[in-house]
Amino acid sequence: MSRPTANGTSRLYFFKKFLPGVLLGMCLPFLGGYVFIILGGMPVTTKDAPLPFERYLAKQALKVAMHKEIGRRAAMPPDDTNLLAGAKVYRGQCAVCHGLPDQPPGAIAKGMFPPPPALFSPREGVTNDPEGKIYWIVKHGIRLTGMPSFQASLSDTELWQVSLLLLKAQQLSAPVRQSLHTALTDAEGTLGK
């Protein structure tokens, strides 16, 4: 049995009141979040604005996830042979969302949230990123962004070739640039109008 304190209450009585209060205080945020979601407060469409801190938290989680591979280097040189192979992969797998040099974004890219970066634009490209980071993103994708993982559909060589293409996007030779310059087409012969 616990000893009474100076004001006549026992420690046991204090913990009977204090601990349930702490537990309730810990559960309230989760309950509030659940109510927020079931009442339709969570933005779910591509046109909804992100929640406060959503971008920050997603970037921090991504940074931690790719930390192990970010320093990796390609086992091949960024020569025209590899960059042309990367351009072929890019046109077949990436261009529908990320576009081609000097082309407007297509209908798919316009409807995505967050909008996919135009990877041949000096402002949105990844030419300043480490090649290991580009490779990681292409290989693993990024949840809830529309960026898929290509780990199961491309070989490791193809993953590196397209990563090197994006790394060198602002320094491509004329033949590589030309292989990317032809506009994409859809079933009607046009895309992005």
N, C-alpha and C. Protein backbone atom coordinates (compact mmCIF):
# COMPACT_ATOMS: atom_id res chain seq x y z
N MET A 1 0.84 -1.17 0.00
CA MET A 1 0.00 0.00 0.00
C MET A 1 0.88 1.24 0.00
N SER A 2 0.47 2.25 -0.77
CA SER A 2 1.30 3.44 -0.85
C SER A 2 1.03 4.39 0.31
N ARG A 3 2.03 5.15 0.63
CA ARG A 3 1.98 6.07 1.76
C ARG A 3 1.29 7.37 1.34
N PRO A 4 0.43 7.92 2.14
CA PRO A 4 -0.23 9.18 1.79
C PRO A 4 0.77 10.32 1.68
N THR A 5 0.51 11.26 0.79
CA THR A 5 1.36 12.45 0.65
C THR A 5 0.87 13.51 1.61
N ALA A 6 1.52 14.67 1.59
CA ALA A 6 1.20 15.75 2.53
C ALA A 6 -0.24 16.20 2.43
N ASN A 7 -0.82 16.19 1.23
CA ASN A 7 -2.20 16.67 1.11
C ASN A 7 -3.21 15.54 1.23
N GLY A 8 -2.79 14.38 1.65
CA GLY A 8 -3.72 13.30 1.94
C GLY A 8 -4.01 12.38 0.76
N THR A 9 -3.51 12.66 -0.40
CA THR A 9 -3.74 11.76 -1.53
C THR A 9 -2.59 10.80 -1.64
N SER A 10 -2.83 9.66 -2.21
CA SER A 10 -1.76 8.67 -2.34
C SER A 10 -1.17 8.71 -3.74
N ARG A 11 0.02 8.18 -3.85
CA ARG A 11 0.66 8.09 -5.16
C ARG A 11 -0.15 7.20 -6.09
N LEU A 12 -0.72 6.17 -5.53
CA LEU A 12 -1.54 5.27 -6.33
C LEU A 12 -2.72 6.02 -6.93
N TYR A 13 -3.34 6.86 -6.15
CA TYR A 13 -4.45 7.67 -6.65
C TYR A 13 -3.97 8.60 -7.77
N PHE A 14 -2.77 9.21 -7.58
CA PHE A 14 -2.20 10.10 -8.60
C PHE A 14 -2.02 9.35 -9.92
N PHE A 15 -1.47 8.14 -9.88
CA PHE A 15 -1.23 7.38 -11.09
C PHE A 15 -2.52 6.85 -11.71
N LYS A 16 -3.51 6.63 -10.91
CA LYS A 16 -4.81 6.21 -11.46
C LYS A 16 -5.43 7.34 -12.28
N LYS A 17 -5.17 8.56 -11.93
CA LYS A 17 -5.70 9.71 -12.66
C LYS A 17 -4.73 10.17 -13.77
N PHE A 18 -3.43 10.17 -13.44
CA PHE A 18 -2.43 10.71 -14.36
C PHE A 18 -2.22 9.81 -15.58
N LEU A 19 -2.01 8.53 -15.38
CA LEU A 19 -1.73 7.62 -16.50
C LEU A 19 -2.88 7.55 -17.52
N PRO A 20 -4.11 7.43 -17.08
CA PRO A 20 -5.18 7.45 -18.10
C PRO A 20 -5.22 8.76 -18.88
N GLY A 21 -4.89 9.86 -18.23
CA GLY A 21 -4.85 11.15 -18.93
C GLY A 21 -3.75 11.19 -19.99
N VAL A 22 -2.60 10.65 -19.65
CA VAL A 22 -1.49 10.59 -20.61
C VAL A 22 -1.87 9.71 -21.79
N LEU A 23 -2.43 8.55 -21.51
CA LEU A 23 -2.84 7.64 -22.59
C LEU A 23 -3.90 8.27 -23.48
N LEU A 24 -4.86 8.93 -22.87
CA LEU A 24 -5.89 9.60 -23.66
C LEU A 24 -5.27 10.70 -24.52
N GLY A 25 -4.32 11.44 -23.94
CA GLY A 25 -3.64 12.49 -24.70
C GLY A 25 -2.85 11.94 -25.87
N MET A 26 -2.30 10.73 -25.73
CA MET A 26 -1.57 10.11 -26.82
C MET A 26 -2.50 9.58 -27.91
N CYS A 27 -3.69 9.16 -27.53
CA CYS A 27 -4.64 8.59 -28.49
C CYS A 27 -5.43 9.65 -29.26
N LEU A 28 -5.62 10.82 -28.67
CA LEU A 28 -6.43 11.85 -29.30
C LEU A 28 -5.93 12.27 -30.69
N PRO A 29 -4.63 12.47 -30.91
CA PRO A 29 -4.20 12.84 -32.26
C PRO A 29 -4.54 11.76 -33.31
N PHE A 30 -4.39 10.50 -32.93
CA PHE A 30 -4.73 9.43 -33.86
C PHE A 30 -6.23 9.41 -34.15
N LEU A 31 -7.02 9.59 -33.13
CA LEU A 31 -8.47 9.65 -33.30
C LEU A 31 -8.86 10.85 -34.16
N GLY A 32 -8.22 11.99 -33.91
CA GLY A 32 -8.49 13.19 -34.70
C GLY A 32 -8.12 12.98 -36.17
N GLY A 33 -6.98 12.33 -36.42
CA GLY A 33 -6.57 12.03 -37.79
C GLY A 33 -7.54 11.11 -38.49
N TYR A 34 -8.01 10.10 -37.77
CA TYR A 34 -8.99 9.17 -38.33
C TYR A 34 -10.28 9.90 -38.70
N VAL A 35 -10.77 10.73 -37.81
CA VAL A 35 -11.99 11.49 -38.08
C VAL A 35 -11.78 12.43 -39.27
N PHE A 36 -10.62 13.08 -39.34
CA PHE A 36 -10.27 13.96 -40.47
C PHE A 36 -10.37 13.21 -41.79
N ILE A 37 -9.84 11.99 -41.82
CA ILE A 37 -9.86 11.19 -43.05
C ILE A 37 -11.26 10.72 -43.40
N ILE A 38 -12.00 10.16 -42.42
CA ILE A 38 -13.32 9.62 -42.77
C ILE A 38 -14.35 10.70 -43.08
N LEU A 39 -14.09 11.93 -42.66
CA LEU A 39 -14.99 13.03 -43.01
C LEU A 39 -14.60 13.72 -44.31
N GLY A 40 -13.61 13.16 -45.01
CA GLY A 40 -13.24 13.69 -46.33
C GLY A 40 -12.26 14.84 -46.32
N GLY A 41 -11.53 15.04 -45.23
CA GLY A 41 -10.58 16.13 -45.16
C GLY A 41 -9.27 15.87 -45.87
N MET A 42 -8.95 14.60 -46.15
CA MET A 42 -7.68 14.25 -46.78
C MET A 42 -7.75 14.54 -48.28
N PRO A 43 -6.81 15.34 -48.82
CA PRO A 43 -6.81 15.59 -50.26
C PRO A 43 -6.42 14.31 -51.01
N VAL A 44 -7.23 13.93 -51.99
CA VAL A 44 -6.96 12.68 -52.71
C VAL A 44 -6.90 12.86 -54.22
N THR A 45 -7.35 13.98 -54.74
CA THR A 45 -7.30 14.16 -56.19
C THR A 45 -6.01 14.85 -56.58
N THR A 46 -5.69 14.79 -57.86
CA THR A 46 -4.45 15.40 -58.33
C THR A 46 -4.52 16.92 -58.33
N LYS A 47 -5.68 17.49 -58.20
CA LYS A 47 -5.84 18.95 -58.18
C LYS A 47 -5.89 19.53 -56.77
N ASP A 48 -6.01 18.66 -55.74
CA ASP A 48 -6.04 19.14 -54.35
C ASP A 48 -4.67 19.66 -53.93
N ALA A 49 -4.67 20.68 -53.11
CA ALA A 49 -3.42 21.20 -52.55
C ALA A 49 -2.87 20.20 -51.53
N PRO A 50 -1.55 20.10 -51.40
CA PRO A 50 -0.99 19.19 -50.41
C PRO A 50 -1.26 19.68 -48.99
N LEU A 51 -1.25 18.75 -48.06
CA LEU A 51 -1.41 19.09 -46.65
C LEU A 51 -0.18 19.85 -46.16
N PRO A 52 -0.32 20.61 -45.07
CA PRO A 52 0.87 21.27 -44.51
C PRO A 52 1.94 20.23 -44.17
N PHE A 53 3.15 20.51 -44.49
CA PHE A 53 4.31 19.66 -44.22
C PHE A 53 4.36 18.38 -45.07
N GLU A 54 3.39 18.15 -45.95
CA GLU A 54 3.37 16.92 -46.75
C GLU A 54 4.62 16.81 -47.62
N ARG A 55 4.96 17.87 -48.33
CA ARG A 55 6.14 17.84 -49.20
C ARG A 55 7.42 17.66 -48.39
N TYR A 56 7.52 18.38 -47.28
CA TYR A 56 8.71 18.28 -46.44
C TYR A 56 8.90 16.85 -45.92
N LEU A 57 7.84 16.27 -45.36
CA LEU A 57 7.93 14.92 -44.80
C LEU A 57 8.26 13.89 -45.87
N ALA A 58 7.65 14.03 -47.06
CA ALA A 58 7.92 13.08 -48.15
C ALA A 58 9.38 13.18 -48.59
N LYS A 59 9.91 14.40 -48.68
CA LYS A 59 11.31 14.57 -49.09
C LYS A 59 12.27 14.00 -48.05
N GLN A 60 11.96 14.19 -46.78
CA GLN A 60 12.82 13.66 -45.73
C GLN A 60 12.82 12.13 -45.76
N ALA A 61 11.66 11.52 -45.92
CA ALA A 61 11.58 10.06 -45.97
C ALA A 61 12.33 9.52 -47.18
N LEU A 62 12.22 10.20 -48.31
CA LEU A 62 12.91 9.79 -49.53
C LEU A 62 14.42 9.89 -49.35
N LYS A 63 14.87 10.96 -48.74
CA LYS A 63 16.31 11.17 -48.53
C LYS A 63 16.89 10.03 -47.69
N VAL A 64 16.19 9.64 -46.64
CA VAL A 64 16.66 8.56 -45.77
C VAL A 64 16.65 7.23 -46.53
N ALA A 65 15.62 6.98 -47.33
CA ALA A 65 15.50 5.71 -48.05
C ALA A 65 16.62 5.52 -49.08
N MET A 66 17.01 6.58 -49.76
CA MET A 66 18.01 6.43 -50.82
C MET A 66 19.44 6.66 -50.34
N HIS A 67 19.61 6.93 -49.08
CA HIS A 67 20.93 7.26 -48.53
C HIS A 67 22.00 6.21 -48.86
N LYS A 68 21.67 4.92 -48.77
CA LYS A 68 22.66 3.86 -48.97
C LYS A 68 23.20 3.81 -50.40
N GLU A 69 22.36 4.10 -51.38
CA GLU A 69 22.76 3.94 -52.78
C GLU A 69 23.15 5.25 -53.46
N ILE A 70 23.01 6.35 -52.79
CA ILE A 70 23.20 7.64 -53.45
C ILE A 70 24.62 7.83 -53.98
N GLY A 71 25.60 7.19 -53.37
CA GLY A 71 26.99 7.34 -53.81
C GLY A 71 27.42 6.36 -54.88
N ARG A 72 26.53 5.50 -55.33
CA ARG A 72 26.91 4.51 -56.36
C ARG A 72 27.25 5.21 -57.66
N ARG A 73 28.14 4.58 -58.41
CA ARG A 73 28.57 5.11 -59.71
C ARG A 73 28.28 4.06 -60.78
N ALA A 74 28.00 4.53 -61.97
CA ALA A 74 27.76 3.64 -63.10
C ALA A 74 29.05 2.91 -63.45
N ALA A 75 28.92 1.65 -63.85
CA ALA A 75 30.08 0.85 -64.25
C ALA A 75 30.41 1.07 -65.73
N MET A 76 29.70 1.98 -66.37
CA MET A 76 29.90 2.25 -67.79
C MET A 76 30.11 3.74 -68.00
N PRO A 77 30.80 4.11 -69.07
CA PRO A 77 31.02 5.54 -69.31
C PRO A 77 29.79 6.19 -69.95
N PRO A 78 29.62 7.50 -69.77
CA PRO A 78 28.50 8.20 -70.41
C PRO A 78 28.84 8.56 -71.86
N ASP A 79 29.21 7.55 -72.66
CA ASP A 79 29.55 7.79 -74.07
C ASP A 79 28.30 7.70 -74.93
N ASP A 80 28.43 8.04 -76.22
CA ASP A 80 27.27 8.06 -77.10
C ASP A 80 26.58 6.70 -77.21
N THR A 81 27.32 5.62 -77.16
CA THR A 81 26.71 4.29 -77.25
C THR A 81 25.73 4.08 -76.10
N ASN A 82 26.17 4.36 -74.88
CA ASN A 82 25.31 4.19 -73.71
C ASN A 82 24.21 5.24 -73.65
N LEU A 83 24.51 6.47 -74.06
CA LEU A 83 23.49 7.53 -74.03
C LEU A 83 22.42 7.28 -75.09
N LEU A 84 22.79 6.76 -76.26
CA LEU A 84 21.78 6.41 -77.28
C LEU A 84 20.90 5.27 -76.79
N ALA A 85 21.50 4.29 -76.11
CA ALA A 85 20.70 3.20 -75.53
C ALA A 85 19.78 3.75 -74.45
N GLY A 86 20.29 4.69 -73.64
CA GLY A 86 19.46 5.33 -72.62
C GLY A 86 18.33 6.13 -73.22
N ALA A 87 18.61 6.78 -74.37
CA ALA A 87 17.56 7.55 -75.07
C ALA A 87 16.46 6.63 -75.57
N LYS A 88 16.82 5.45 -76.03
CA LYS A 88 15.81 4.48 -76.49
C LYS A 88 14.92 4.05 -75.32
N VAL A 89 15.53 3.76 -74.17
CA VAL A 89 14.77 3.40 -72.97
C VAL A 89 13.89 4.58 -72.55
N TYR A 90 14.45 5.77 -72.54
CA TYR A 90 13.71 6.96 -72.12
C TYR A 90 12.48 7.19 -72.99
N ARG A 91 12.66 7.11 -74.29
CA ARG A 91 11.52 7.31 -75.19
C ARG A 91 10.43 6.28 -74.95
N GLY A 92 10.82 5.05 -74.70
CA GLY A 92 9.84 3.98 -74.51
C GLY A 92 9.19 3.95 -73.15
N GLN A 93 9.90 4.41 -72.12
CA GLN A 93 9.40 4.25 -70.75
C GLN A 93 9.12 5.55 -70.00
N CYS A 94 9.82 6.61 -70.34
CA CYS A 94 9.80 7.82 -69.49
C CYS A 94 9.15 9.04 -70.15
N ALA A 95 9.29 9.15 -71.44
CA ALA A 95 8.90 10.38 -72.14
C ALA A 95 7.41 10.69 -72.03
N VAL A 96 6.58 9.67 -71.90
CA VAL A 96 5.13 9.93 -71.83
C VAL A 96 4.78 10.81 -70.62
N CYS A 97 5.54 10.70 -69.55
CA CYS A 97 5.30 11.54 -68.37
C CYS A 97 6.26 12.74 -68.32
N HIS A 98 7.54 12.50 -68.59
CA HIS A 98 8.55 13.53 -68.40
C HIS A 98 8.84 14.35 -69.65
N GLY A 99 8.29 13.95 -70.79
CA GLY A 99 8.43 14.72 -72.01
C GLY A 99 9.78 14.57 -72.69
N LEU A 100 9.88 15.22 -73.83
CA LEU A 100 11.09 15.23 -74.66
C LEU A 100 11.64 16.65 -74.72
N PRO A 101 12.91 16.79 -75.13
CA PRO A 101 13.46 18.15 -75.23
C PRO A 101 12.64 19.02 -76.17
N ASP A 102 12.40 20.24 -75.76
CA ASP A 102 11.72 21.25 -76.58
C ASP A 102 10.30 20.85 -76.99
N GLN A 103 9.65 20.00 -76.22
CA GLN A 103 8.27 19.58 -76.50
C GLN A 103 7.39 19.95 -75.30
N PRO A 104 6.13 20.30 -75.56
CA PRO A 104 5.24 20.60 -74.42
C PRO A 104 4.86 19.32 -73.69
N PRO A 105 4.46 19.43 -72.43
CA PRO A 105 4.04 18.24 -71.69
C PRO A 105 2.81 17.61 -72.34
N GLY A 106 2.73 16.28 -72.27
CA GLY A 106 1.60 15.56 -72.83
C GLY A 106 0.42 15.55 -71.88
N ALA A 107 -0.68 14.96 -72.34
CA ALA A 107 -1.92 14.93 -71.55
C ALA A 107 -1.75 14.17 -70.24
N ILE A 108 -0.98 13.10 -70.26
CA ILE A 108 -0.77 12.33 -69.03
C ILE A 108 -0.03 13.18 -68.01
N ALA A 109 1.02 13.84 -68.43
CA ALA A 109 1.80 14.67 -67.51
C ALA A 109 0.96 15.81 -66.94
N LYS A 110 0.10 16.38 -67.74
CA LYS A 110 -0.74 17.50 -67.28
C LYS A 110 -1.73 17.07 -66.20
N GLY A 111 -2.09 15.79 -66.18
CA GLY A 111 -3.07 15.31 -65.22
C GLY A 111 -2.49 14.69 -63.97
N MET A 112 -1.17 14.72 -63.80
CA MET A 112 -0.54 14.07 -62.65
C MET A 112 -0.29 15.04 -61.50
N PHE A 113 -0.34 14.50 -60.27
CA PHE A 113 0.05 15.25 -59.09
C PHE A 113 0.90 14.37 -58.20
N PRO A 114 2.02 14.83 -57.81
CA PRO A 114 2.62 16.08 -58.26
C PRO A 114 3.01 16.00 -59.72
N PRO A 115 3.10 17.13 -60.40
CA PRO A 115 3.44 17.08 -61.83
C PRO A 115 4.84 16.50 -62.01
N PRO A 116 5.00 15.62 -62.99
CA PRO A 116 6.34 15.05 -63.20
C PRO A 116 7.29 16.11 -63.74
N PRO A 117 8.53 16.09 -63.30
CA PRO A 117 9.47 17.10 -63.80
C PRO A 117 9.79 16.88 -65.28
N ALA A 118 9.96 17.97 -65.99
CA ALA A 118 10.42 17.92 -67.39
C ALA A 118 11.93 17.73 -67.32
N LEU A 119 12.39 16.51 -67.50
CA LEU A 119 13.78 16.16 -67.18
C LEU A 119 14.82 16.74 -68.13
N PHE A 120 14.39 17.32 -69.25
CA PHE A 120 15.34 17.97 -70.14
C PHE A 120 15.31 19.48 -70.00
N SER A 121 14.52 19.96 -69.06
CA SER A 121 14.49 21.39 -68.75
C SER A 121 15.63 21.70 -67.78
N PRO A 122 16.39 22.77 -68.02
CA PRO A 122 17.46 23.11 -67.08
C PRO A 122 16.95 23.37 -65.66
N ARG A 123 15.72 23.85 -65.52
CA ARG A 123 15.16 24.14 -64.20
C ARG A 123 14.71 22.89 -63.46
N GLU A 124 14.15 21.92 -64.19
CA GLU A 124 13.55 20.75 -63.54
C GLU A 124 14.37 19.49 -63.68
N GLY A 125 15.40 19.51 -64.48
CA GLY A 125 16.20 18.31 -64.72
C GLY A 125 16.96 17.86 -63.48
N VAL A 126 17.67 16.75 -63.63
CA VAL A 126 18.39 16.16 -62.51
C VAL A 126 19.90 16.15 -62.77
N THR A 127 20.37 17.04 -63.62
CA THR A 127 21.79 17.04 -63.99
C THR A 127 22.72 17.39 -62.82
N ASN A 128 22.19 17.98 -61.77
CA ASN A 128 23.01 18.30 -60.59
C ASN A 128 22.93 17.22 -59.52
N ASP A 129 22.09 16.21 -59.74
CA ASP A 129 21.96 15.13 -58.77
C ASP A 129 23.07 14.10 -58.95
N PRO A 130 23.47 13.42 -57.89
CA PRO A 130 24.43 12.33 -58.05
C PRO A 130 23.82 11.21 -58.91
N GLU A 131 24.64 10.55 -59.71
CA GLU A 131 24.10 9.52 -60.60
C GLU A 131 23.47 8.38 -59.80
N GLY A 132 23.97 8.10 -58.59
CA GLY A 132 23.37 7.06 -57.76
C GLY A 132 21.95 7.41 -57.34
N LYS A 133 21.68 8.68 -57.13
CA LYS A 133 20.32 9.12 -56.76
C LYS A 133 19.37 8.93 -57.94
N ILE A 134 19.81 9.31 -59.13
CA ILE A 134 18.98 9.15 -60.33
C ILE A 134 18.68 7.67 -60.53
N TYR A 135 19.72 6.86 -60.43
CA TYR A 135 19.57 5.41 -60.59
C TYR A 135 18.57 4.86 -59.57
N TRP A 136 18.68 5.28 -58.32
CA TRP A 136 17.79 4.79 -57.26
C TRP A 136 16.34 5.12 -57.60
N ILE A 137 16.09 6.34 -58.05
CA ILE A 137 14.71 6.74 -58.37
C ILE A 137 14.17 5.93 -59.53
N VAL A 138 14.97 5.74 -60.58
CA VAL A 138 14.52 4.96 -61.74
C VAL A 138 14.28 3.51 -61.32
N LYS A 139 15.17 2.97 -60.52
CA LYS A 139 15.06 1.57 -60.11
C LYS A 139 13.89 1.32 -59.18
N HIS A 140 13.74 2.15 -58.15
CA HIS A 140 12.76 1.89 -57.09
C HIS A 140 11.45 2.67 -57.24
N GLY A 141 11.44 3.77 -57.98
CA GLY A 141 10.25 4.60 -58.05
C GLY A 141 10.03 5.37 -56.76
N ILE A 142 8.98 6.19 -56.75
CA ILE A 142 8.64 6.97 -55.55
C ILE A 142 7.15 6.84 -55.32
N ARG A 143 6.80 6.28 -54.20
CA ARG A 143 5.39 6.06 -53.85
C ARG A 143 4.57 7.35 -53.91
N LEU A 144 3.34 7.20 -54.34
CA LEU A 144 2.34 8.27 -54.32
C LEU A 144 2.70 9.47 -55.19
N THR A 145 3.61 9.30 -56.15
CA THR A 145 3.96 10.39 -57.05
C THR A 145 3.66 10.05 -58.49
N GLY A 146 3.37 8.81 -58.79
CA GLY A 146 3.19 8.38 -60.16
C GLY A 146 4.48 7.83 -60.75
N MET A 147 5.61 7.99 -60.06
CA MET A 147 6.89 7.48 -60.55
C MET A 147 7.00 6.00 -60.22
N PRO A 148 6.91 5.13 -61.27
CA PRO A 148 6.95 3.69 -61.00
C PRO A 148 8.38 3.19 -60.82
N SER A 149 8.48 1.99 -60.31
CA SER A 149 9.76 1.29 -60.24
C SER A 149 9.97 0.55 -61.56
N PHE A 150 11.18 0.65 -62.09
CA PHE A 150 11.51 -0.07 -63.32
C PHE A 150 12.42 -1.26 -63.03
N GLN A 151 12.57 -1.63 -61.78
CA GLN A 151 13.44 -2.72 -61.39
C GLN A 151 13.05 -4.03 -62.05
N ALA A 152 11.77 -4.31 -62.19
CA ALA A 152 11.32 -5.58 -62.76
C ALA A 152 11.24 -5.56 -64.29
N SER A 153 11.25 -4.37 -64.89
CA SER A 153 11.06 -4.30 -66.34
C SER A 153 12.30 -3.90 -67.14
N LEU A 154 13.31 -3.36 -66.48
CA LEU A 154 14.55 -2.98 -67.16
C LEU A 154 15.73 -3.70 -66.53
N SER A 155 16.73 -3.99 -67.35
CA SER A 155 17.95 -4.60 -66.82
C SER A 155 18.74 -3.54 -66.06
N ASP A 156 19.70 -3.99 -65.28
CA ASP A 156 20.54 -3.05 -64.54
C ASP A 156 21.30 -2.14 -65.50
N THR A 157 21.73 -2.70 -66.62
CA THR A 157 22.43 -1.89 -67.63
C THR A 157 21.52 -0.80 -68.17
N GLU A 158 20.27 -1.15 -68.48
CA GLU A 158 19.32 -0.14 -68.98
C GLU A 158 19.02 0.92 -67.93
N LEU A 159 18.91 0.50 -66.68
CA LEU A 159 18.68 1.47 -65.60
C LEU A 159 19.82 2.49 -65.54
N TRP A 160 21.04 2.00 -65.65
CA TRP A 160 22.19 2.91 -65.62
C TRP A 160 22.25 3.77 -66.89
N GLN A 161 21.92 3.20 -68.04
CA GLN A 161 21.99 3.97 -69.29
C GLN A 161 21.01 5.14 -69.25
N VAL A 162 19.79 4.90 -68.81
CA VAL A 162 18.83 6.00 -68.75
C VAL A 162 19.21 6.99 -67.65
N SER A 163 19.80 6.51 -66.58
CA SER A 163 20.26 7.41 -65.51
C SER A 163 21.37 8.32 -66.01
N LEU A 164 22.30 7.77 -66.78
CA LEU A 164 23.39 8.58 -67.35
C LEU A 164 22.85 9.59 -68.35
N LEU A 165 21.85 9.18 -69.14
CA LEU A 165 21.23 10.11 -70.09
C LEU A 165 20.67 11.32 -69.34
N LEU A 166 19.98 11.09 -68.24
CA LEU A 166 19.38 12.18 -67.48
C LEU A 166 20.45 13.03 -66.78
N LEU A 167 21.50 12.38 -66.33
CA LEU A 167 22.60 13.10 -65.71
C LEU A 167 23.26 14.06 -66.71
N LYS A 168 23.37 13.65 -67.95
CA LYS A 168 24.05 14.43 -69.00
C LYS A 168 23.06 15.18 -69.89
N ALA A 169 21.82 15.33 -69.47
CA ALA A 169 20.75 15.89 -70.31
C ALA A 169 21.09 17.24 -70.94
N GLN A 170 21.89 18.05 -70.30
CA GLN A 170 22.23 19.36 -70.84
C GLN A 170 23.54 19.35 -71.63
N GLN A 171 24.16 18.18 -71.77
CA GLN A 171 25.45 18.08 -72.46
C GLN A 171 25.43 17.00 -73.54
N LEU A 172 24.29 16.70 -74.12
CA LEU A 172 24.17 15.59 -75.07
C LEU A 172 24.74 15.96 -76.43
N SER A 173 25.33 14.99 -77.08
CA SER A 173 25.85 15.19 -78.45
C SER A 173 24.67 15.32 -79.41
N ALA A 174 24.94 15.80 -80.60
CA ALA A 174 23.89 15.99 -81.61
C ALA A 174 23.17 14.68 -81.94
N PRO A 175 23.85 13.55 -82.14
CA PRO A 175 23.12 12.31 -82.45
C PRO A 175 22.18 11.86 -81.32
N VAL A 176 22.63 12.01 -80.08
CA VAL A 176 21.79 11.61 -78.95
C VAL A 176 20.60 12.56 -78.85
N ARG A 177 20.85 13.83 -78.96
CA ARG A 177 19.76 14.82 -78.90
C ARG A 177 18.75 14.58 -80.02
N GLN A 178 19.25 14.28 -81.22
CA GLN A 178 18.37 14.02 -82.36
C GLN A 178 17.49 12.80 -82.11
N SER A 179 18.05 11.77 -81.46
CA SER A 179 17.25 10.57 -81.18
C SER A 179 16.10 10.86 -80.23
N LEU A 180 16.22 11.94 -79.47
CA LEU A 180 15.17 12.34 -78.54
C LEU A 180 14.24 13.42 -79.11
N HIS A 181 14.64 14.02 -80.21
CA HIS A 181 13.93 15.20 -80.69
C HIS A 181 12.62 14.90 -81.40
N THR A 182 12.49 13.76 -82.01
CA THR A 182 11.26 13.43 -82.72
C THR A 182 10.11 13.36 -81.73
N ALA A 183 9.03 14.08 -82.04
CA ALA A 183 7.88 14.15 -81.13
C ALA A 183 7.23 12.78 -80.95
N LEU A 184 6.69 12.56 -79.74
CA LEU A 184 5.93 11.34 -79.48
C LEU A 184 4.56 11.45 -80.14
N THR A 185 3.97 10.32 -80.46
CA THR A 185 2.63 10.33 -81.04
C THR A 185 1.76 9.34 -80.28
N ASP A 186 0.46 9.59 -80.31
CA ASP A 186 -0.48 8.63 -79.75
C ASP A 186 -1.25 7.99 -80.89
N ALA A 187 -2.37 7.34 -80.62
CA ALA A 187 -3.13 6.62 -81.64
C ALA A 187 -3.58 7.52 -82.78
N GLU A 188 -3.88 8.81 -82.49
CA GLU A 188 -4.31 9.73 -83.53
C GLU A 188 -3.14 10.43 -84.23
N GLY A 189 -1.93 10.15 -83.79
CA GLY A 189 -0.76 10.73 -84.42
C GLY A 189 -0.26 11.99 -83.74
N THR A 190 -0.86 12.39 -82.64
CA THR A 190 -0.40 13.58 -81.92
C THR A 190 -0.42 13.29 -80.43
N LEU A 191 0.34 14.03 -79.70
CA LEU A 191 0.37 13.88 -78.24
C LEU A 191 0.59 15.25 -77.63
N GLY A 192 -0.15 15.53 -76.58
CA GLY A 192 0.08 16.76 -75.84
C GLY A 192 -0.60 17.99 -76.41
N LYS A 193 -1.57 17.83 -77.33
CA LYS A 193 -2.25 19.01 -77.88
C LYS A 193 -3.39 19.42 -76.99
